[in-house]
């Protein structure tokens, strides 16, 4: 089952549908409609994947059976803005990354604003760290947890879970949103 709905982008990172923009509708009716739409979106939850085409976004909702077949990605958006998107699934019986475990990852780090790569270890030795104990930025501690060996995820990390108002060196400006493509290659 495939359902398509046209959506538009509202500054601040919110997607709204054409149904949200009805002329002549008063504010309280819009709020009620928005509340109803939000409840419907929450029911769909992680079954939504969004692809951009020009200035319009097309939201494609796929049934759970397609997801289990690995044909669509699963996206989880946290209230603080952190986005965790499953890009590829590893072995179903593979070791799972959990708090306190040492994990090894390959990654590419980009600035979300312009896509500029600021760090990568692809083609080199995996980056190792202990998960959930603050050795890395908070976005990684949350975003990598639960991955299995071979899983690939895209993490979109808000400044509050990244490098904040200080930035990092000359490569990551203050208050930057970060985008990481991460592959889990080991758990100990």
Protein backbone atom coordinates (compact mmCIF):
# COMPACT_ATOMS: atom_id res chain seq x y z
CA UNK A 1 0.00 0.00 0.00
CA UNK A 2 1.44 3.37 -1.01
CA UNK A 3 -0.13 6.69 0.01
CA UNK A 4 1.26 10.01 -1.24
CA UNK A 5 0.48 13.41 0.25
CA UNK A 6 1.91 16.77 -0.88
CA UNK A 7 3.57 18.70 1.91
CA UNK A 8 5.37 22.00 2.20
CA UNK A 9 8.20 23.21 4.39
CA UNK A 10 7.58 25.76 7.12
CA UNK A 11 10.68 27.55 8.50
CA UNK A 12 11.71 25.93 11.75
CA UNK A 13 11.78 22.42 10.33
CA UNK A 14 8.05 21.66 10.33
CA UNK A 15 6.25 19.97 7.47
CA UNK A 16 2.65 20.95 6.84
CA UNK A 17 0.16 19.56 4.34
CA UNK A 18 -1.98 21.46 1.86
CA UNK A 19 -4.92 20.81 4.18
CA UNK A 20 -3.23 23.06 6.80
CA UNK A 21 -3.41 26.08 4.48
CA UNK A 22 -7.14 26.65 3.97
CA UNK A 23 -8.14 30.29 3.21
CA UNK A 24 -10.92 31.79 5.33
CA UNK A 25 -10.35 29.36 8.19
CA UNK A 26 -9.99 30.96 11.62
CA UNK A 27 -7.10 30.27 14.00
CA UNK A 28 -8.96 27.94 16.37
CA UNK A 29 -10.14 25.77 13.46
CA UNK A 30 -6.56 25.61 12.18
CA UNK A 31 -5.33 24.57 15.64
CA UNK A 32 -7.95 21.82 15.87
CA UNK A 33 -7.07 20.60 12.37
CA UNK A 34 -3.33 20.73 13.17
CA UNK A 35 -3.91 18.77 16.40
CA UNK A 36 -5.87 16.13 14.46
CA UNK A 37 -3.16 15.96 11.74
CA UNK A 38 -0.45 15.65 14.40
CA UNK A 39 -2.31 12.74 15.99
CA UNK A 40 -2.58 11.04 12.59
CA UNK A 41 1.12 11.62 11.90
CA UNK A 42 2.03 10.15 15.30
CA UNK A 43 0.03 7.01 14.43
CA UNK A 44 2.09 6.60 11.29
CA UNK A 45 5.23 7.40 13.30
CA UNK A 46 8.38 6.00 11.89
CA UNK A 47 6.72 4.70 8.71
CA UNK A 48 7.25 8.05 6.99
CA UNK A 49 10.13 8.83 4.70
CA UNK A 50 10.41 12.24 3.11
CA UNK A 51 12.18 13.03 -0.14
CA UNK A 52 12.72 16.54 -1.45
CA UNK A 53 11.83 17.64 -4.99
CA UNK A 54 12.42 21.36 -5.63
CA UNK A 55 10.64 23.46 -3.04
CA UNK A 56 7.93 20.83 -2.50
CA UNK A 57 8.35 17.79 -0.32
CA UNK A 58 6.54 14.57 -1.10
CA UNK A 59 5.77 12.45 1.94
CA UNK A 60 5.55 8.78 1.10
CA UNK A 61 3.98 6.46 3.63
CA UNK A 62 4.66 2.78 3.23
CA UNK A 63 3.04 -0.13 4.99
CA UNK A 64 4.88 -2.00 7.72
CA UNK A 65 5.22 -5.08 5.52
CA UNK A 66 7.33 -3.08 3.05
CA UNK A 67 9.48 -1.83 5.92
CA UNK A 68 10.22 -5.29 7.20
CA UNK A 69 11.24 -6.23 3.68
CA UNK A 70 13.84 -3.44 3.94
CA UNK A 71 12.40 -1.40 1.06
CA UNK A 72 11.93 1.84 2.99
CA UNK A 73 13.90 3.61 5.67
CA UNK A 74 12.65 4.12 9.20
CA UNK A 75 12.92 7.66 10.57
CA UNK A 76 12.66 8.67 14.22
CA UNK A 77 12.59 12.37 15.13
CA UNK A 78 13.14 13.32 18.78
CA UNK A 79 11.52 16.42 20.34
CA UNK A 80 14.90 18.22 20.50
CA UNK A 81 15.38 17.85 16.72
CA UNK A 82 17.65 14.78 16.63
CA UNK A 83 16.76 12.63 13.60
CA UNK A 84 17.81 8.97 13.33
CA UNK A 85 17.17 7.36 9.95
CA UNK A 86 17.81 3.68 9.23
CA UNK A 87 19.53 3.46 5.85
CA UNK A 88 20.45 -0.23 5.76
CA UNK A 89 19.96 -3.18 8.05
CA UNK A 90 22.80 -5.48 9.02
CA UNK A 91 22.49 -9.08 10.16
CA UNK A 92 19.29 -9.62 12.17
CA UNK A 93 21.23 -11.74 14.67
CA UNK A 94 24.27 -9.42 14.79
CA UNK A 95 25.62 -7.94 18.01
CA UNK A 96 23.73 -4.86 19.14
CA UNK A 97 25.35 -1.60 20.32
CA UNK A 98 24.31 -0.85 23.90
CA UNK A 99 25.43 1.45 26.71
CA UNK A 100 28.84 0.60 28.11
CA UNK A 101 29.91 -1.47 25.09
CA UNK A 102 32.88 -0.48 22.95
CA UNK A 103 31.66 0.14 19.41
CA UNK A 104 33.54 0.62 16.14
CA UNK A 105 32.11 2.76 13.35
CA UNK A 106 32.89 4.15 9.93
CA UNK A 107 31.38 7.59 9.39
CA UNK A 108 31.19 10.71 7.26
CA UNK A 109 30.42 13.98 9.05
CA UNK A 110 28.92 16.94 7.15
CA UNK A 111 27.54 20.35 8.00
CA UNK A 112 23.80 20.16 7.41
CA UNK A 113 23.73 23.79 6.24
CA UNK A 114 25.89 23.29 3.15
CA UNK A 115 26.80 19.59 3.01
CA UNK A 116 30.50 20.34 3.51
CA UNK A 117 32.36 17.26 4.83
CA UNK A 118 34.31 18.14 7.97
CA UNK A 119 35.44 14.64 8.97
CA UNK A 120 35.46 11.06 7.68
CA UNK A 121 37.18 7.77 8.44
CA UNK A 122 35.77 5.81 5.49
CA UNK A 123 38.60 3.85 3.92
CA UNK A 124 40.58 4.02 7.17
CA UNK A 125 40.55 2.39 10.58
CA UNK A 126 37.18 2.36 12.35
CA UNK A 127 36.59 4.91 15.11
CA UNK A 128 36.19 3.18 18.51
CA UNK A 129 34.44 4.55 21.57
CA UNK A 130 32.48 3.40 24.62
CA UNK A 131 28.79 4.04 24.00
CA UNK A 132 26.66 6.06 26.40
CA UNK A 133 29.39 7.35 28.70
CA UNK A 134 30.04 10.75 27.14
CA UNK A 135 33.17 9.95 25.10
CA UNK A 136 31.45 11.38 22.01
CA UNK A 137 28.80 14.03 21.34
CA UNK A 138 25.35 13.26 22.77
CA UNK A 139 23.84 12.84 19.31
CA UNK A 140 26.14 9.87 18.70
CA UNK A 141 25.46 8.27 22.10
CA UNK A 142 21.72 8.34 21.35
CA UNK A 143 21.88 7.74 17.59
CA UNK A 144 24.22 4.72 17.61
CA UNK A 145 22.50 2.90 20.48
CA UNK A 146 20.51 -0.10 19.26
CA UNK A 147 22.39 -0.50 15.98
CA UNK A 148 23.47 -4.01 14.94
CA UNK A 149 26.73 -4.78 13.18
CA UNK A 150 26.28 -3.85 9.52
CA UNK A 151 23.50 -1.32 10.19
CA UNK A 152 23.83 2.07 8.51
CA UNK A 153 22.14 5.18 9.88
CA UNK A 154 21.93 8.85 9.06
CA UNK A 155 22.04 11.06 12.16
CA UNK A 156 20.94 14.69 11.94
CA UNK A 157 22.16 16.28 15.15
CA UNK A 158 21.02 19.63 16.58
CA UNK A 159 23.65 21.94 18.13
CA UNK A 160 22.42 21.04 21.64
CA UNK A 161 23.52 17.41 21.06
CA UNK A 162 26.59 18.32 19.01
CA UNK A 163 29.18 21.02 19.66
CA UNK A 164 26.75 23.74 20.80
CA UNK A 165 27.60 27.43 20.82
CA UNK A 166 31.37 26.75 20.91
CA UNK A 167 31.67 24.79 17.68
CA UNK A 168 34.76 22.62 17.17
CA UNK A 169 38.07 23.92 15.91
CA UNK A 170 37.84 25.80 12.65
CA UNK A 171 35.82 23.10 10.91
CA UNK A 172 32.48 23.22 12.77
CA UNK A 173 31.03 26.71 13.32
CA UNK A 174 29.09 27.53 16.51
CA UNK A 175 25.44 26.39 16.62
CA UNK A 176 25.83 24.04 13.65
CA UNK A 177 23.44 21.23 12.76
CA UNK A 178 25.45 18.14 11.85
CA UNK A 179 24.71 15.21 9.55
CA UNK A 180 26.52 11.90 9.96
CA UNK A 181 26.31 8.73 7.89
CA UNK A 182 27.35 5.99 10.33
CA UNK A 183 27.99 2.27 9.79
CA UNK A 184 28.48 0.00 12.82
CA UNK A 185 31.31 -2.42 12.13
CA UNK A 186 32.04 -3.85 15.58
CA UNK A 187 30.77 -4.27 19.17
CA UNK A 188 32.80 -5.53 22.17
